Amino acid sequence: MVHQENFPVAHLNLPQRLDQLTSNGVNKVICGGIDGFCLNQLGSRGIDVVHNVVGEAKIASGLFMKGRLRQGFCCERRRRRGFCVLERGSGGRRI
């Protein structure tokens, strides 16, 4: 990661958001929920997406920098970091 920045995008439509990402040289996006259409649009522009990440951006960024962030991770201070477990006893992996 060379630079981390938050972009205000609430006022932009989807094509404008995609243009803003590509014009700023973004090649990786870490996000929570994303639909398949947007995932494909980002991929077609060469932007890799780590999705279904829940929690604090600073923790997620730190895990990413260590090469340990994967889709479905929970990144919260108050609980152990690892995969989100939706059902009790589902065997979610912890890191």
N, C-alpha and C. Protein backbone atom coordinates (compact mmCIF):
# COMPACT_ATOMS: atom_id res chain seq x y z
N MET A 1 0.85 -1.16 0.00
CA MET A 1 0.00 0.00 0.00
C MET A 1 0.90 1.23 0.00
N VAL A 2 0.67 2.06 -0.95
CA VAL A 2 1.42 3.30 -1.06
C VAL A 2 0.72 4.42 -0.32
N HIS A 3 -0.59 4.42 -0.39
CA HIS A 3 -1.36 5.53 0.18
C HIS A 3 -2.75 5.04 0.55
N GLN A 4 -3.26 5.51 1.66
CA GLN A 4 -4.62 5.20 2.10
C GLN A 4 -5.40 6.49 2.15
N GLU A 5 -6.57 6.50 1.54
CA GLU A 5 -7.36 7.72 1.50
C GLU A 5 -8.84 7.37 1.43
N ASN A 6 -9.65 8.18 2.07
CA ASN A 6 -11.10 8.05 1.97
C ASN A 6 -11.60 9.03 0.93
N PHE A 7 -12.45 8.54 0.02
CA PHE A 7 -13.02 9.39 -1.01
C PHE A 7 -14.49 9.61 -0.72
N PRO A 8 -14.97 10.87 -0.69
CA PRO A 8 -16.41 11.10 -0.56
C PRO A 8 -17.09 10.73 -1.88
N VAL A 9 -18.01 9.78 -1.83
CA VAL A 9 -18.63 9.31 -3.07
C VAL A 9 -20.16 9.35 -3.03
N ALA A 10 -20.73 9.80 -1.93
CA ALA A 10 -22.19 9.79 -1.80
C ALA A 10 -22.88 10.58 -2.92
N HIS A 11 -22.24 11.60 -3.41
CA HIS A 11 -22.85 12.46 -4.44
C HIS A 11 -22.60 11.94 -5.87
N LEU A 12 -21.87 10.85 -6.01
CA LEU A 12 -21.52 10.32 -7.33
C LEU A 12 -22.37 9.10 -7.69
N ASN A 13 -22.66 8.95 -8.98
CA ASN A 13 -23.33 7.72 -9.43
C ASN A 13 -22.26 6.64 -9.65
N LEU A 14 -22.68 5.43 -9.95
CA LEU A 14 -21.74 4.31 -10.05
C LEU A 14 -20.63 4.53 -11.09
N PRO A 15 -20.95 4.93 -12.32
CA PRO A 15 -19.86 5.16 -13.28
C PRO A 15 -18.86 6.23 -12.80
N GLN A 16 -19.36 7.27 -12.14
CA GLN A 16 -18.47 8.32 -11.63
C GLN A 16 -17.58 7.78 -10.49
N ARG A 17 -18.14 6.92 -9.66
CA ARG A 17 -17.35 6.30 -8.58
C ARG A 17 -16.24 5.43 -9.15
N LEU A 18 -16.58 4.65 -10.16
CA LEU A 18 -15.57 3.80 -10.80
C LEU A 18 -14.49 4.65 -11.45
N ASP A 19 -14.89 5.72 -12.12
CA ASP A 19 -13.92 6.62 -12.75
C ASP A 19 -13.00 7.26 -11.71
N GLN A 20 -13.56 7.64 -10.56
CA GLN A 20 -12.74 8.25 -9.52
C GLN A 20 -11.69 7.26 -9.01
N LEU A 21 -12.08 6.02 -8.80
CA LEU A 21 -11.13 5.01 -8.34
C LEU A 21 -10.01 4.79 -9.35
N THR A 22 -10.37 4.60 -10.61
CA THR A 22 -9.35 4.33 -11.62
C THR A 22 -8.46 5.55 -11.87
N SER A 23 -9.04 6.75 -11.85
CA SER A 23 -8.23 7.94 -12.10
C SER A 23 -7.26 8.22 -10.94
N ASN A 24 -7.55 7.69 -9.77
CA ASN A 24 -6.66 7.85 -8.62
C ASN A 24 -5.68 6.68 -8.49
N GLY A 25 -5.68 5.77 -9.46
CA GLY A 25 -4.72 4.67 -9.46
C GLY A 25 -5.01 3.57 -8.45
N VAL A 26 -6.25 3.47 -8.01
CA VAL A 26 -6.62 2.43 -7.03
C VAL A 26 -6.56 1.06 -7.70
N ASN A 27 -5.88 0.11 -7.05
CA ASN A 27 -5.84 -1.25 -7.60
C ASN A 27 -6.33 -2.29 -6.60
N LYS A 28 -6.72 -1.84 -5.40
CA LYS A 28 -7.25 -2.75 -4.38
C LYS A 28 -8.30 -2.01 -3.57
N VAL A 29 -9.45 -2.66 -3.33
CA VAL A 29 -10.50 -2.10 -2.50
C VAL A 29 -10.84 -3.12 -1.42
N ILE A 30 -10.92 -2.67 -0.18
CA ILE A 30 -11.36 -3.50 0.94
C ILE A 30 -12.71 -2.96 1.35
N CYS A 31 -13.73 -3.82 1.37
CA CYS A 31 -15.07 -3.32 1.68
C CYS A 31 -15.89 -4.37 2.42
N GLY A 32 -17.06 -3.94 2.86
CA GLY A 32 -18.02 -4.83 3.49
C GLY A 32 -18.81 -5.53 2.40
N GLY A 33 -20.09 -5.20 2.32
CA GLY A 33 -20.94 -5.82 1.31
C GLY A 33 -20.79 -5.17 -0.05
N ILE A 34 -20.86 -5.97 -1.09
CA ILE A 34 -20.81 -5.47 -2.47
C ILE A 34 -21.58 -6.45 -3.33
N ASP A 35 -22.34 -5.93 -4.27
CA ASP A 35 -23.09 -6.84 -5.14
C ASP A 35 -22.23 -7.35 -6.28
N GLY A 36 -22.69 -8.39 -6.93
CA GLY A 36 -21.93 -9.02 -8.00
C GLY A 36 -21.64 -8.10 -9.17
N PHE A 37 -22.60 -7.24 -9.52
CA PHE A 37 -22.40 -6.32 -10.63
C PHE A 37 -21.22 -5.39 -10.36
N CYS A 38 -21.20 -4.78 -9.17
CA CYS A 38 -20.12 -3.86 -8.82
C CYS A 38 -18.79 -4.59 -8.71
N LEU A 39 -18.82 -5.80 -8.18
CA LEU A 39 -17.61 -6.61 -8.08
C LEU A 39 -17.03 -6.86 -9.47
N ASN A 40 -17.89 -7.19 -10.42
CA ASN A 40 -17.45 -7.41 -11.81
C ASN A 40 -16.95 -6.13 -12.46
N GLN A 41 -17.62 -5.00 -12.20
CA GLN A 41 -17.20 -3.72 -12.77
C GLN A 41 -15.81 -3.33 -12.27
N LEU A 42 -15.56 -3.52 -10.98
CA LEU A 42 -14.24 -3.22 -10.43
C LEU A 42 -13.19 -4.15 -11.02
N GLY A 43 -13.51 -5.43 -11.10
CA GLY A 43 -12.58 -6.40 -11.67
C GLY A 43 -12.24 -6.10 -13.11
N SER A 44 -13.22 -5.65 -13.88
CA SER A 44 -12.97 -5.34 -15.29
C SER A 44 -12.05 -4.13 -15.45
N ARG A 45 -11.92 -3.34 -14.41
CA ARG A 45 -11.01 -2.18 -14.43
C ARG A 45 -9.68 -2.50 -13.76
N GLY A 46 -9.47 -3.76 -13.45
CA GLY A 46 -8.20 -4.17 -12.85
C GLY A 46 -8.10 -3.90 -11.35
N ILE A 47 -9.24 -3.70 -10.71
CA ILE A 47 -9.25 -3.43 -9.27
C ILE A 47 -9.64 -4.70 -8.54
N ASP A 48 -8.74 -5.19 -7.69
CA ASP A 48 -8.98 -6.38 -6.88
C ASP A 48 -9.80 -5.98 -5.66
N VAL A 49 -10.78 -6.81 -5.28
CA VAL A 49 -11.67 -6.48 -4.17
C VAL A 49 -11.58 -7.56 -3.09
N VAL A 50 -11.30 -7.15 -1.88
CA VAL A 50 -11.40 -8.02 -0.71
C VAL A 50 -12.70 -7.62 -0.05
N HIS A 51 -13.73 -8.47 -0.17
CA HIS A 51 -15.06 -8.07 0.30
C HIS A 51 -15.52 -8.89 1.50
N ASN A 52 -16.66 -8.48 2.03
CA ASN A 52 -17.25 -9.08 3.24
C ASN A 52 -16.32 -8.95 4.44
N VAL A 53 -15.60 -7.84 4.51
CA VAL A 53 -14.74 -7.55 5.65
C VAL A 53 -15.54 -6.63 6.58
N VAL A 54 -15.63 -7.03 7.85
CA VAL A 54 -16.43 -6.30 8.82
C VAL A 54 -15.52 -5.73 9.90
N GLY A 55 -15.77 -4.49 10.30
CA GLY A 55 -15.03 -3.94 11.44
C GLY A 55 -14.28 -2.67 11.12
N GLU A 56 -13.22 -2.47 11.86
CA GLU A 56 -12.48 -1.21 11.81
C GLU A 56 -11.46 -1.19 10.67
N ALA A 57 -11.47 -0.09 9.92
CA ALA A 57 -10.59 0.04 8.76
C ALA A 57 -9.12 -0.06 9.14
N LYS A 58 -8.75 0.51 10.27
CA LYS A 58 -7.34 0.50 10.68
C LYS A 58 -6.86 -0.93 10.93
N ILE A 59 -7.68 -1.75 11.55
CA ILE A 59 -7.32 -3.14 11.79
C ILE A 59 -7.26 -3.91 10.49
N ALA A 60 -8.25 -3.70 9.62
CA ALA A 60 -8.27 -4.37 8.32
C ALA A 60 -7.04 -4.00 7.50
N SER A 61 -6.69 -2.72 7.52
CA SER A 61 -5.51 -2.25 6.79
C SER A 61 -4.24 -2.91 7.32
N GLY A 62 -4.13 -3.00 8.64
CA GLY A 62 -2.96 -3.64 9.25
C GLY A 62 -2.85 -5.11 8.87
N LEU A 63 -3.98 -5.82 8.88
CA LEU A 63 -3.97 -7.22 8.47
C LEU A 63 -3.60 -7.36 6.99
N PHE A 64 -4.12 -6.44 6.17
CA PHE A 64 -3.79 -6.46 4.75
C PHE A 64 -2.29 -6.28 4.53
N MET A 65 -1.71 -5.32 5.25
CA MET A 65 -0.28 -5.05 5.09
C MET A 65 0.58 -6.24 5.51
N LYS A 66 0.08 -7.05 6.43
CA LYS A 66 0.79 -8.25 6.87
C LYS A 66 0.48 -9.46 5.98
N GLY A 67 -0.40 -9.27 4.98
CA GLY A 67 -0.77 -10.37 4.09
C GLY A 67 -1.72 -11.36 4.72
N ARG A 68 -2.46 -10.92 5.75
CA ARG A 68 -3.32 -11.83 6.49
C ARG A 68 -4.80 -11.54 6.33
N LEU A 69 -5.18 -10.53 5.59
CA LEU A 69 -6.59 -10.19 5.42
C LEU A 69 -7.21 -11.05 4.33
N ARG A 70 -8.33 -11.65 4.62
CA ARG A 70 -9.07 -12.48 3.66
C ARG A 70 -10.54 -12.06 3.68
N GLN A 71 -11.27 -12.42 2.63
CA GLN A 71 -12.69 -12.11 2.62
C GLN A 71 -13.37 -12.81 3.79
N GLY A 72 -14.35 -12.12 4.34
CA GLY A 72 -15.11 -12.67 5.45
C GLY A 72 -14.51 -12.42 6.82
N PHE A 73 -13.42 -11.65 6.91
CA PHE A 73 -12.78 -11.42 8.21
C PHE A 73 -13.56 -10.37 9.02
N CYS A 74 -13.55 -10.58 10.33
CA CYS A 74 -14.03 -9.58 11.29
C CYS A 74 -12.81 -8.88 11.84
N CYS A 75 -12.82 -7.58 11.81
CA CYS A 75 -11.67 -6.79 12.25
C CYS A 75 -12.13 -5.81 13.31
N GLU A 76 -12.40 -6.33 14.50
CA GLU A 76 -12.89 -5.49 15.58
C GLU A 76 -12.01 -5.67 16.80
N ARG A 77 -11.84 -4.60 17.54
CA ARG A 77 -11.01 -4.64 18.75
C ARG A 77 -11.65 -5.46 19.86
N ARG A 78 -12.95 -5.41 19.98
CA ARG A 78 -13.60 -6.02 21.13
C ARG A 78 -13.75 -7.53 21.04
N ARG A 79 -13.47 -8.10 19.90
CA ARG A 79 -13.50 -9.55 19.77
C ARG A 79 -12.27 -10.02 19.03
N ARG A 80 -12.00 -11.27 19.09
CA ARG A 80 -10.83 -11.80 18.40
C ARG A 80 -10.98 -11.60 16.91
N ARG A 81 -9.86 -11.29 16.27
CA ARG A 81 -9.89 -11.14 14.82
C ARG A 81 -9.96 -12.50 14.15
N GLY A 82 -10.68 -12.59 13.09
CA GLY A 82 -10.80 -13.83 12.34
C GLY A 82 -12.03 -13.82 11.49
N PHE A 83 -12.37 -14.96 10.92
CA PHE A 83 -13.57 -15.04 10.09
C PHE A 83 -14.80 -14.77 10.94
N CYS A 84 -15.79 -14.12 10.35
CA CYS A 84 -17.05 -13.92 11.05
C CYS A 84 -17.77 -15.25 11.16
N VAL A 85 -18.33 -15.50 12.31
CA VAL A 85 -19.06 -16.74 12.54
C VAL A 85 -20.54 -16.37 12.64
N LEU A 86 -21.33 -16.84 11.68
CA LEU A 86 -22.74 -16.48 11.67
C LEU A 86 -23.57 -17.38 12.56
N GLU A 87 -23.19 -18.64 12.69
CA GLU A 87 -23.93 -19.56 13.53
C GLU A 87 -23.01 -20.15 14.58
N ARG A 88 -23.55 -20.35 15.73
CA ARG A 88 -22.76 -20.93 16.82
C ARG A 88 -22.27 -22.31 16.41
N GLY A 89 -20.99 -22.53 16.61
CA GLY A 89 -20.41 -23.85 16.30
C GLY A 89 -20.14 -24.07 14.82
N SER A 90 -20.15 -23.01 14.02
CA SER A 90 -19.92 -23.20 12.57
C SER A 90 -18.45 -23.37 12.23
N GLY A 91 -17.57 -23.22 13.23
CA GLY A 91 -16.17 -23.48 12.98
C GLY A 91 -15.43 -22.38 12.26
N GLY A 92 -15.82 -21.14 12.46
CA GLY A 92 -15.12 -20.03 11.82
C GLY A 92 -13.66 -19.99 12.22
N ARG A 93 -12.79 -19.75 11.28
CA ARG A 93 -11.35 -19.74 11.52
C ARG A 93 -10.92 -18.45 12.18
N ARG A 94 -10.05 -18.54 13.14
CA ARG A 94 -9.49 -17.37 13.82
C ARG A 94 -8.06 -17.20 13.38
N ILE A 95 -7.61 -15.94 13.39
CA ILE A 95 -6.20 -15.70 13.09
C ILE A 95 -5.50 -15.15 14.29
